[in-house]
Amino acid sequence: MLRHMVAGIRHFGVYPMYIHQRDNWEFFAVLRGKCGALLSETGPATLQQHHLWIFPPETAHGWKGDGTKRCKIVVFHFGKAPPLLEKVAHERGFLDCALSPAQVRRVAEIEMELRAPYGRVTEKSLMFFEKALIELSLIALADVPSAADAGDVDHPFQKVQACLSWYSEHMIEQPKLEQTAQAVNVSVRHLRRLFWQSRHESPQAAFTRVRLERAMGLLSLSNLKLDAIAEQCGFSSSSDFCRVFKMHHHVSPDAWRKKHLPAYEESPAIRK
């Protein structure tokens, strides 16, 4: 889900963006001029041109520019990232890569292509958002070797993905960890080990994020009440859903729905 998108000219050298955390995955590209990611108030910011940065949620950073010179940027905020990008980003802290002239043009084209589906969100919009997310992620991961390229068919990543896929399909049933492990033919202990090897987190933490991502999609694109969203996303009650949501996003689901999705306010809700 594309949560936010903006493009334009900035003067980060004159008006730097202060360091703060984002709620979503931030894809930030500088297409013309120079700017740099600011990771601490006192640390330096290496200025880059034709560059793409990707920061996971809750990674504090800001932006600094080149004196009085302007830069042109494109920013996309997504609610989730592909598993491989997520894994690499968490291992490194964030990703960044240089953009070729062709990639600079393509990133600008992606922003243009998303204007209509972002301005008027429908179910079809989600397909455009997913396509853009995959294409931007492939640009960022171009130089990252894949386990699949080495022929490692038993890589933990594959088993974990199968587990997450099964859980996504059955979350409404609130399956126990034992059931999930059994579905992919491993023990609970081994499943925990696989998750830690591939994602550096527990299965329960990953399942919670899957449920919250589904919930944010329903909050964004439906008029469902919190009780119905909680049920569809495998929470025992709306109060349990609100508690977990607020613990992870520091705001209630209703407040998030109103405050964090201004681009969708004018879009007709999809009735379900």
C-alpha atoms as a PDB file:
ATOM      1  CA  MET A   1       0.000   0.000   0.000  1.00  0.00           C
ATOM      2  CA  LEU A   2       1.321   3.423  -0.965  1.00  0.00           C
ATOM      3  CA  ARG A   3       0.774   5.590   2.112  1.00  0.00           C
ATOM      4  CA  HIS A   4       2.301   8.857   0.936  1.00  0.00           C
ATOM      5  CA  MET A   5       3.913  10.310  -2.167  1.00  0.00           C
ATOM      6  CA  VAL A   6       5.461  13.701  -2.851  1.00  0.00           C
ATOM      7  CA  ALA A   7       7.726  15.175  -5.515  1.00  0.00           C
ATOM      8  CA  GLY A   8       9.216  18.584  -6.131  1.00  0.00           C
ATOM      9  CA  ILE A   9      12.010  21.046  -5.473  1.00  0.00           C
ATOM     10  CA  ARG A  10      13.581  21.337  -2.027  1.00  0.00           C
ATOM     11  CA  HIS A  11      16.162  23.622  -0.411  1.00  0.00           C
ATOM     12  CA  PHE A  12      17.522  21.245   2.214  1.00  0.00           C
ATOM     13  CA  GLY A  13      20.698  23.314   2.529  1.00  0.00           C
ATOM     14  CA  VAL A  14      18.655  26.280   3.711  1.00  0.00           C
ATOM     15  CA  TYR A  15      15.770  24.359   5.262  1.00  0.00           C
ATOM     16  CA  PRO A  16      17.072  20.946   6.362  1.00  0.00           C
ATOM     17  CA  MET A  17      14.534  18.326   7.402  1.00  0.00           C
ATOM     18  CA  TYR A  18      14.929  17.556  11.073  1.00  0.00           C
ATOM     19  CA  ILE A  19      15.646  14.010  12.204  1.00  0.00           C
ATOM     20  CA  HIS A  20      12.542  12.026  13.080  1.00  0.00           C
ATOM     21  CA  GLN A  21      11.036   8.564  12.629  1.00  0.00           C
ATOM     22  CA  ARG A  22       8.615   7.619   9.869  1.00  0.00           C
ATOM     23  CA  ASP A  23       5.782   5.139  10.277  1.00  0.00           C
ATOM     24  CA  ASN A  24       6.336   3.559   6.861  1.00  0.00           C
ATOM     25  CA  TRP A  25       9.047   2.390   4.493  1.00  0.00           C
ATOM     26  CA  GLU A  26      10.539   5.510   2.910  1.00  0.00           C
ATOM     27  CA  PHE A  27      11.867   5.389  -0.667  1.00  0.00           C
ATOM     28  CA  PHE A  28      13.634   8.717  -1.214  1.00  0.00           C
ATOM     29  CA  ALA A  29      15.253   9.597  -4.554  1.00  0.00           C
ATOM     30  CA  VAL A  30      17.144  12.735  -5.520  1.00  0.00           C
ATOM     31  CA  LEU A  31      16.785  13.189  -9.268  1.00  0.00           C
ATOM     32  CA  ARG A  32      18.538  16.520  -9.730  1.00  0.00           C
ATOM     33  CA  GLY A  33      20.952  18.439  -7.539  1.00  0.00           C
ATOM     34  CA  LYS A  34      22.382  17.030  -4.320  1.00  0.00           C
ATOM     35  CA  CYS A  35      21.180  16.096  -0.854  1.00  0.00           C
ATOM     36  CA  GLY A  36      22.168  13.659   1.857  1.00  0.00           C
ATOM     37  CA  ALA A  37      20.640  11.602   4.635  1.00  0.00           C
ATOM     38  CA  LEU A  38      21.177  13.038   8.100  1.00  0.00           C
ATOM     39  CA  LEU A  39      21.396  10.269  10.698  1.00  0.00           C
ATOM     40  CA  SER A  40      22.436  12.290  13.758  1.00  0.00           C
ATOM     41  CA  GLU A  41      22.278  15.921  14.791  1.00  0.00           C
ATOM     42  CA  THR A  42      26.058  16.223  14.931  1.00  0.00           C
ATOM     43  CA  GLY A  43      27.082  13.706  12.261  1.00  0.00           C
ATOM     44  CA  PRO A  44      27.918  14.586   8.657  1.00  0.00           C
ATOM     45  CA  ALA A  45      25.579  14.030   5.722  1.00  0.00           C
ATOM     46  CA  THR A  46      27.284  12.809   2.567  1.00  0.00           C
ATOM     47  CA  LEU A  47      25.680  14.677  -0.315  1.00  0.00           C
ATOM     48  CA  GLN A  48      24.685  12.542  -3.282  1.00  0.00           C
ATOM     49  CA  GLN A  49      23.192  13.161  -6.692  1.00  0.00           C
ATOM     50  CA  HIS A  50      21.115  10.663  -8.696  1.00  0.00           C
ATOM     51  CA  HIS A  51      20.625   8.509  -5.623  1.00  0.00           C
ATOM     52  CA  LEU A  52      17.996   6.330  -3.944  1.00  0.00           C
ATOM     53  CA  TRP A  53      17.711   5.724  -0.195  1.00  0.00           C
ATOM     54  CA  ILE A  54      15.368   3.243   1.494  1.00  0.00           C
ATOM     55  CA  PHE A  55      14.706   3.457   5.233  1.00  0.00           C
ATOM     56  CA  PRO A  56      12.687   0.931   7.266  1.00  0.00           C
ATOM     57  CA  PRO A  57       9.893   2.192   9.519  1.00  0.00           C
ATOM     58  CA  GLU A  58      10.951   3.827  12.796  1.00  0.00           C
ATOM     59  CA  THR A  59      14.445   4.605  11.454  1.00  0.00           C
ATOM     60  CA  ALA A  60      15.196   8.168  12.540  1.00  0.00           C
ATOM     61  CA  HIS A  61      16.732  10.324   9.817  1.00  0.00           C
ATOM     62  CA  GLY A  62      16.539  13.743   8.210  1.00  0.00           C
ATOM     63  CA  TRP A  63      17.782  15.453   5.049  1.00  0.00           C
ATOM     64  CA  LYS A  64      20.448  18.046   4.354  1.00  0.00           C
ATOM     65  CA  GLY A  65      21.271  19.896   1.141  1.00  0.00           C
ATOM     66  CA  ASP A  66      24.010  21.690  -0.760  1.00  0.00           C
ATOM     67  CA  GLY A  67      24.052  25.244   0.547  1.00  0.00           C
ATOM     68  CA  THR A  68      21.550  27.419  -1.290  1.00  0.00           C
ATOM     69  CA  LYS A  69      21.322  25.047  -4.255  1.00  0.00           C
ATOM     70  CA  ARG A  70      18.044  23.316  -4.962  1.00  0.00           C
ATOM     71  CA  CYS A  71      17.410  19.623  -5.518  1.00  0.00           C
ATOM     72  CA  LYS A  72      14.531  17.722  -7.066  1.00  0.00           C
ATOM     73  CA  ILE A  73      13.235  14.781  -5.077  1.00  0.00           C
ATOM     74  CA  VAL A  74      10.633  12.032  -5.265  1.00  0.00           C
ATOM     75  CA  VAL A  75       9.460  10.321  -2.081  1.00  0.00           C
ATOM     76  CA  PHE A  76       7.276   7.229  -1.695  1.00  0.00           C
ATOM     77  CA  HIS A  77       6.077   5.829   1.621  1.00  0.00           C
ATOM     78  CA  PHE A  78       4.910   2.206   1.542  1.00  0.00           C
ATOM     79  CA  GLY A  79       3.289   0.242   4.330  1.00  0.00           C
ATOM     80  CA  LYS A  80       5.388  -2.823   3.592  1.00  0.00           C
ATOM     81  CA  ALA A  81       8.433  -3.914   1.606  1.00  0.00           C
ATOM     82  CA  PRO A  82       9.300  -7.142  -0.253  1.00  0.00           C
ATOM     83  CA  PRO A  83      10.832  -9.694   2.136  1.00  0.00           C
ATOM     84  CA  LEU A  84      14.302  -9.639   0.557  1.00  0.00           C
ATOM     85  CA  LEU A  85      14.507  -5.861   0.692  1.00  0.00           C
ATOM     86  CA  GLU A  86      13.217  -5.933   4.257  1.00  0.00           C
ATOM     87  CA  LYS A  87      15.867  -8.466   5.244  1.00  0.00           C
ATOM     88  CA  VAL A  88      18.757  -6.565   3.638  1.00  0.00           C
ATOM     89  CA  ALA A  89      17.592  -3.201   4.957  1.00  0.00           C
ATOM     90  CA  HIS A  90      17.369  -4.476   8.520  1.00  0.00           C
ATOM     91  CA  GLU A  91      20.809  -6.078   8.254  1.00  0.00           C
ATOM     92  CA  ARG A  92      22.378  -2.849   6.992  1.00  0.00           C
ATOM     93  CA  GLY A  93      20.195  -0.340   8.780  1.00  0.00           C
ATOM     94  CA  PHE A  94      19.048   1.130   5.466  1.00  0.00           C
ATOM     95  CA  LEU A  95      19.760   0.764   1.752  1.00  0.00           C
ATOM     96  CA  ASP A  96      21.119   3.305  -0.672  1.00  0.00           C
ATOM     97  CA  CYS A  97      22.294   3.074  -4.249  1.00  0.00           C
ATOM     98  CA  ALA A  98      23.372   5.274  -7.140  1.00  0.00           C
ATOM     99  CA  LEU A  99      20.885   5.727  -9.974  1.00  0.00           C
ATOM    100  CA  SER A 100      21.861   5.577 -13.614  1.00  0.00           C
ATOM    101  CA  PRO A 101      20.399   8.238 -15.954  1.00  0.00           C
ATOM    102  CA  ALA A 102      17.896   5.652 -17.181  1.00  0.00           C
ATOM    103  CA  GLN A 103      16.892   4.809 -13.603  1.00  0.00           C
ATOM    104  CA  VAL A 104      16.490   8.492 -12.755  1.00  0.00           C
ATOM    105  CA  ARG A 105      14.067   8.821 -15.647  1.00  0.00           C
ATOM    106  CA  ARG A 106      12.236   5.671 -14.605  1.00  0.00           C
ATOM    107  CA  VAL A 107      11.770   6.825 -11.000  1.00  0.00           C
ATOM    108  CA  ALA A 108      10.326  10.099 -12.304  1.00  0.00           C
ATOM    109  CA  GLU A 109       8.013   8.123 -14.596  1.00  0.00           C
ATOM    110  CA  ILE A 110       6.839   5.940 -11.712  1.00  0.00           C
ATOM    111  CA  GLU A 111       5.813   9.032  -9.767  1.00  0.00           C
ATOM    112  CA  MET A 112       3.892  10.321 -12.797  1.00  0.00           C
ATOM    113  CA  GLU A 113       2.179   6.942 -13.285  1.00  0.00           C
ATOM    114  CA  LEU A 114       1.045   6.844  -9.650  1.00  0.00           C
ATOM    115  CA  ARG A 115      -0.517  10.302  -9.551  1.00  0.00           C
ATOM    116  CA  ALA A 116      -3.926   9.203 -10.805  1.00  0.00           C
ATOM    117  CA  PRO A 117      -4.267   5.980  -8.735  1.00  0.00           C
ATOM    118  CA  TYR A 118      -2.895   7.783  -5.654  1.00  0.00           C
ATOM    119  CA  GLY A 119      -5.237  10.736  -6.066  1.00  0.00           C
ATOM    120  CA  ARG A 120      -8.306   8.535  -6.415  1.00  0.00           C
ATOM    121  CA  VAL A 121      -7.723   5.249  -4.628  1.00  0.00           C
ATOM    122  CA  THR A 122      -9.606   2.179  -5.818  1.00  0.00           C
ATOM    123  CA  GLU A 123      -8.956  -1.547  -5.609  1.00  0.00           C
ATOM    124  CA  LYS A 124      -7.140  -1.267  -8.939  1.00  0.00           C
ATOM    125  CA  SER A 125      -4.839   1.334  -7.386  1.00  0.00           C
ATOM    126  CA  LEU A 126      -3.337  -1.382  -5.207  1.00  0.00           C
ATOM    127  CA  MET A 127      -2.018  -3.108  -8.316  1.00  0.00           C
ATOM    128  CA  PHE A 128      -0.263   0.065  -9.444  1.00  0.00           C
ATOM    129  CA  PHE A 129       1.184   0.529  -5.950  1.00  0.00           C
ATOM    130  CA  GLU A 130       2.454  -3.060  -5.848  1.00  0.00           C
ATOM    131  CA  LYS A 131       4.034  -2.730  -9.287  1.00  0.00           C
ATOM    132  CA  ALA A 132       5.832   0.473  -8.279  1.00  0.00           C
ATOM    133  CA  LEU A 133       7.015  -1.064  -5.007  1.00  0.00           C
ATOM    134  CA  ILE A 134       8.483  -4.089  -6.778  1.00  0.00           C
ATOM    135  CA  GLU A 135      10.171  -1.992  -9.453  1.00  0.00           C
ATOM    136  CA  LEU A 136      11.731   0.426  -6.949  1.00  0.00           C
ATOM    137  CA  SER A 137      12.867  -2.489  -4.794  1.00  0.00           C
ATOM    138  CA  LEU A 138      14.512  -4.235  -7.748  1.00  0.00           C
ATOM    139  CA  ILE A 139      16.424  -1.046  -8.519  1.00  0.00           C
ATOM    140  CA  ALA A 140      17.692  -0.919  -4.943  1.00  0.00           C
ATOM    141  CA  LEU A 141      18.559  -4.625  -4.850  1.00  0.00           C
ATOM    142  CA  ALA A 142      20.283  -4.794  -8.234  1.00  0.00           C
ATOM    143  CA  ASP A 143      23.711  -5.402  -6.687  1.00  0.00           C
ATOM    144  CA  VAL A 144      22.522  -7.610  -3.826  1.00  0.00           C
ATOM    145  CA  PRO A 145      23.168 -11.324  -4.422  1.00  0.00           C
ATOM    146  CA  SER A 146      20.190 -13.635  -3.971  1.00  0.00           C
ATOM    147  CA  ALA A 147      20.332 -16.996  -2.247  1.00  0.00           C
ATOM    148  CA  ALA A 148      18.249 -18.387  -5.092  1.00  0.00           C
ATOM    149  CA  ASP A 149      21.031 -17.496  -7.540  1.00  0.00           C
ATOM    150  CA  ALA A 150      23.334 -19.852  -5.659  1.00  0.00           C
ATOM    151  CA  GLY A 151      20.876 -22.716  -5.959  1.00  0.00           C
ATOM    152  CA  ASP A 152      20.247 -22.907  -2.216  1.00  0.00           C
ATOM    153  CA  VAL A 153      16.793 -24.468  -2.364  1.00  0.00           C
ATOM    154  CA  ASP A 154      16.743 -25.082   1.392  1.00  0.00           C
ATOM    155  CA  HIS A 155      17.506 -21.513   2.347  1.00  0.00           C
ATOM    156  CA  PRO A 156      15.621 -20.444   5.508  1.00  0.00           C
ATOM    157  CA  PHE A 157      14.125 -17.535   3.593  1.00  0.00           C
ATOM    158  CA  GLN A 158      12.028 -19.859   1.434  1.00  0.00           C
ATOM    159  CA  LYS A 159      10.604 -21.805   4.362  1.00  0.00           C
ATOM    160  CA  VAL A 160       9.831 -18.580   6.230  1.00  0.00           C
ATOM    161  CA  GLN A 161       8.047 -17.152   3.195  1.00  0.00           C
ATOM    162  CA  ALA A 162       5.941 -20.289   2.917  1.00  0.00           C
ATOM    163  CA  CYS A 163       5.075 -19.924   6.589  1.00  0.00           C
ATOM    164  CA  LEU A 164       4.077 -16.254   6.209  1.00  0.00           C
ATOM    165  CA  SER A 165       1.992 -17.025   3.144  1.00  0.00           C
ATOM    166  CA  TRP A 166       0.127 -19.780   4.998  1.00  0.00           C
ATOM    167  CA  TYR A 167      -0.398 -17.533   8.002  1.00  0.00           C
ATOM    168  CA  SER A 168      -1.741 -14.694   5.806  1.00  0.00           C
ATOM    169  CA  GLU A 169      -4.360 -17.041   4.386  1.00  0.00           C
ATOM    170  CA  HIS A 170      -5.417 -18.354   7.800  1.00  0.00           C
ATOM    171  CA  MET A 171      -5.000 -15.378  10.139  1.00  0.00           C
ATOM    172  CA  ILE A 172      -8.762 -15.005  10.575  1.00  0.00           C
ATOM    173  CA  GLU A 173      -8.657 -18.430  12.291  1.00  0.00           C
ATOM    174  CA  GLN A 174      -6.065 -17.172  14.806  1.00  0.00           C
ATOM    175  CA  PRO A 175      -3.806 -20.218  14.321  1.00  0.00           C
ATOM    176  CA  LYS A 176      -1.400 -21.168  17.078  1.00  0.00           C
ATOM    177  CA  LEU A 177       2.322 -21.279  16.408  1.00  0.00           C
ATOM    178  CA  GLU A 178       2.210 -25.076  16.527  1.00  0.00           C
ATOM    179  CA  GLN A 179      -0.363 -25.153  13.726  1.00  0.00           C
ATOM    180  CA  THR A 180       1.682 -22.775  11.598  1.00  0.00           C
ATOM    181  CA  ALA A 181       4.850 -24.817  12.060  1.00  0.00           C
ATOM    182  CA  GLN A 182       2.978 -28.019  11.228  1.00  0.00           C
ATOM    183  CA  ALA A 183       1.638 -26.430   8.030  1.00  0.00           C
ATOM    184  CA  VAL A 184       5.196 -26.037   6.702  1.00  0.00           C
ATOM    185  CA  ASN A 185       6.462 -29.338   8.125  1.00  0.00           C
ATOM    186  CA  VAL A 186       8.870 -28.077  10.765  1.00  0.00           C
ATOM    187  CA  SER A 187       8.951 -28.064  14.538  1.00  0.00           C
ATOM    188  CA  VAL A 188       8.157 -24.917  16.514  1.00  0.00           C
ATOM    189  CA  ARG A 189      11.743 -24.746  17.699  1.00  0.00           C
ATOM    190  CA  HIS A 190      13.094 -25.035  14.171  1.00  0.00           C
ATOM    191  CA  LEU A 191      10.613 -22.447  12.898  1.00  0.00           C
ATOM    192  CA  ARG A 192      11.828 -19.954  15.485  1.00  0.00           C
ATOM    193  CA  ARG A 193      15.401 -20.649  14.397  1.00  0.00           C
ATOM    194  CA  LEU A 194      14.522 -20.122  10.711  1.00  0.00           C
ATOM    195  CA  PHE A 195      12.837 -16.804  11.422  1.00  0.00           C
ATOM    196  CA  TRP A 196      15.808 -15.596  13.383  1.00  0.00           C
ATOM    197  CA  GLN A 197      18.247 -16.666  10.663  1.00  0.00           C
ATOM    198  CA  SER A 198      16.345 -14.996   7.854  1.00  0.00           C
ATOM    199  CA  ARG A 199      14.615 -12.047   9.539  1.00  0.00           C
ATOM    200  CA  HIS A 200      16.206 -11.551  12.962  1.00  0.00           C
ATOM    201  CA  GLU A 201      12.814 -11.652  14.630  1.00  0.00           C
ATOM    202  CA  SER A 202      10.427 -14.184  16.145  1.00  0.00           C
ATOM    203  CA  PRO A 203       7.536 -15.748  14.214  1.00  0.00           C
ATOM    204  CA  GLN A 204       5.081 -14.010  16.553  1.00  0.00           C
ATOM    205  CA  ALA A 205       6.571 -10.592  15.759  1.00  0.00           C
ATOM    206  CA  ALA A 206       6.364 -11.281  12.023  1.00  0.00           C
ATOM    207  CA  PHE A 207       2.761 -12.523  12.319  1.00  0.00           C
ATOM    208  CA  THR A 208       1.793  -9.364  14.210  1.00  0.00           C
ATOM    209  CA  ARG A 209       3.183  -7.195  11.439  1.00  0.00           C
ATOM    210  CA  VAL A 210       1.298  -9.255   8.838  1.00  0.00           C
ATOM    211  CA  ARG A 211      -1.934  -8.734  10.764  1.00  0.00           C
ATOM    212  CA  LEU A 212      -1.310  -5.011  11.177  1.00  0.00           C
ATOM    213  CA  GLU A 213      -0.526  -4.589   7.494  1.00  0.00           C
ATOM    214  CA  ARG A 214      -3.815  -6.296   6.611  1.00  0.00           C
ATOM    215  CA  ALA A 215      -5.576  -4.071   9.129  1.00  0.00           C
ATOM    216  CA  MET A 216      -4.081  -0.899   7.664  1.00  0.00           C
ATOM    217  CA  GLY A 217      -5.266  -1.950   4.241  1.00  0.00           C
ATOM    218  CA  LEU A 218      -8.796  -2.384   5.566  1.00  0.00           C
ATOM    219  CA  LEU A 219      -8.636   0.921   7.427  1.00  0.00           C
ATOM    220  CA  SER A 220      -7.533   2.622   4.215  1.00  0.00           C
ATOM    221  CA  LEU A 221      -9.879   1.105   1.681  1.00  0.00           C
ATOM    222  CA  SER A 222     -13.071   0.194   3.520  1.00  0.00           C
ATOM    223  CA  ASN A 223     -15.577   1.647   5.941  1.00  0.00           C
ATOM    224  CA  LEU A 224     -15.468  -1.446   8.141  1.00  0.00           C
ATOM    225  CA  LYS A 225     -15.841  -0.928  11.874  1.00  0.00           C
ATOM    226  CA  LEU A 226     -12.954  -1.834  14.179  1.00  0.00           C
ATOM    227  CA  ASP A 227     -14.741  -4.986  15.406  1.00  0.00           C
ATOM    228  CA  ALA A 228     -14.939  -6.347  11.854  1.00  0.00           C
ATOM    229  CA  ILE A 229     -11.326  -5.401  11.072  1.00  0.00           C
ATOM    230  CA  ALA A 230     -10.146  -7.057  14.272  1.00  0.00           C
ATOM    231  CA  GLU A 231     -11.977 -10.260  13.377  1.00  0.00           C
ATOM    232  CA  GLN A 232     -10.647 -10.374   9.804  1.00  0.00           C
ATOM    233  CA  CYS A 233      -7.081  -9.798  10.993  1.00  0.00           C
ATOM    234  CA  GLY A 234      -7.040 -12.468  13.670  1.00  0.00           C
ATOM    235  CA  PHE A 235      -7.367 -10.321  16.789  1.00  0.00           C
ATOM    236  CA  SER A 236      -9.481 -11.600  19.661  1.00  0.00           C
ATOM    237  CA  SER A 237     -11.355  -8.301  20.025  1.00  0.00           C
ATOM    238  CA  SER A 238     -11.361  -4.690  18.891  1.00  0.00           C
ATOM    239  CA  SER A 239      -9.742  -3.682  22.182  1.00  0.00           C
ATOM    240  CA  ASP A 240      -6.933  -6.181  21.582  1.00  0.00           C
ATOM    241  CA  PHE A 241      -6.531  -4.830  18.046  1.00  0.00           C
ATOM    242  CA  CYS A 242      -6.406  -1.230  19.296  1.00  0.00           C
ATOM    243  CA  ARG A 243      -3.873  -2.110  21.982  1.00  0.00           C
ATOM    244  CA  VAL A 244      -1.496  -3.849  19.547  1.00  0.00           C
ATOM    245  CA  PHE A 245      -1.958  -1.200  16.866  1.00  0.00           C
ATOM    246  CA  LYS A 246      -1.190   1.630  19.280  1.00  0.00           C
ATOM    247  CA  MET A 247       1.812  -0.218  20.707  1.00  0.00           C
ATOM    248  CA  HIS A 248       3.363  -0.467  17.226  1.00  0.00           C
ATOM    249  CA  HIS A 249       2.212   2.815  15.644  1.00  0.00           C
ATOM    250  CA  HIS A 250       1.823   5.040  18.730  1.00  0.00           C
ATOM    251  CA  VAL A 251      -1.661   6.096  17.668  1.00  0.00           C
ATOM    252  CA  SER A 252      -5.113   4.514  17.695  1.00  0.00           C
ATOM    253  CA  PRO A 253      -6.498   2.895  14.515  1.00  0.00           C
ATOM    254  CA  ASP A 254      -9.166   5.599  14.192  1.00  0.00           C
ATOM    255  CA  ALA A 255      -6.626   8.392  14.591  1.00  0.00           C
ATOM    256  CA  TRP A 256      -4.299   6.707  12.106  1.00  0.00           C
ATOM    257  CA  ARG A 257      -7.157   6.391   9.632  1.00  0.00           C
ATOM    258  CA  LYS A 258      -7.841  10.138   9.815  1.00  0.00           C
ATOM    259  CA  LYS A 259      -4.355  11.551  10.257  1.00  0.00           C
ATOM    260  CA  HIS A 260      -2.004   9.333   8.289  1.00  0.00           C
ATOM    261  CA  LEU A 261      -4.008   8.966   5.096  1.00  0.00           C
ATOM    262  CA  PRO A 262      -4.835  12.537   4.005  1.00  0.00           C
ATOM    263  CA  ALA A 263      -4.512  11.571   0.336  1.00  0.00           C
ATOM    264  CA  TYR A 264      -7.394   9.136   0.691  1.00  0.00           C
ATOM    265  CA  GLU A 265      -9.860  11.483   2.401  1.00  0.00           C
ATOM    266  CA  GLU A 266     -11.362  12.633  -0.880  1.00  0.00           C
ATOM    267  CA  SER A 267     -11.440   9.120  -2.348  1.00  0.00           C
ATOM    268  CA  PRO A 268     -14.683   7.160  -2.108  1.00  0.00           C
ATOM    269  CA  ALA A 269     -14.465   4.317   0.381  1.00  0.00           C
ATOM    270  CA  ILE A 270     -14.709   0.877  -1.074  1.00  0.00           C
ATOM    271  CA  ARG A 271     -17.788  -0.726   0.389  1.00  0.00           C
ATOM    272  CA  LYS A 272     -17.437  -4.316   1.375  1.00  0.00           C
END
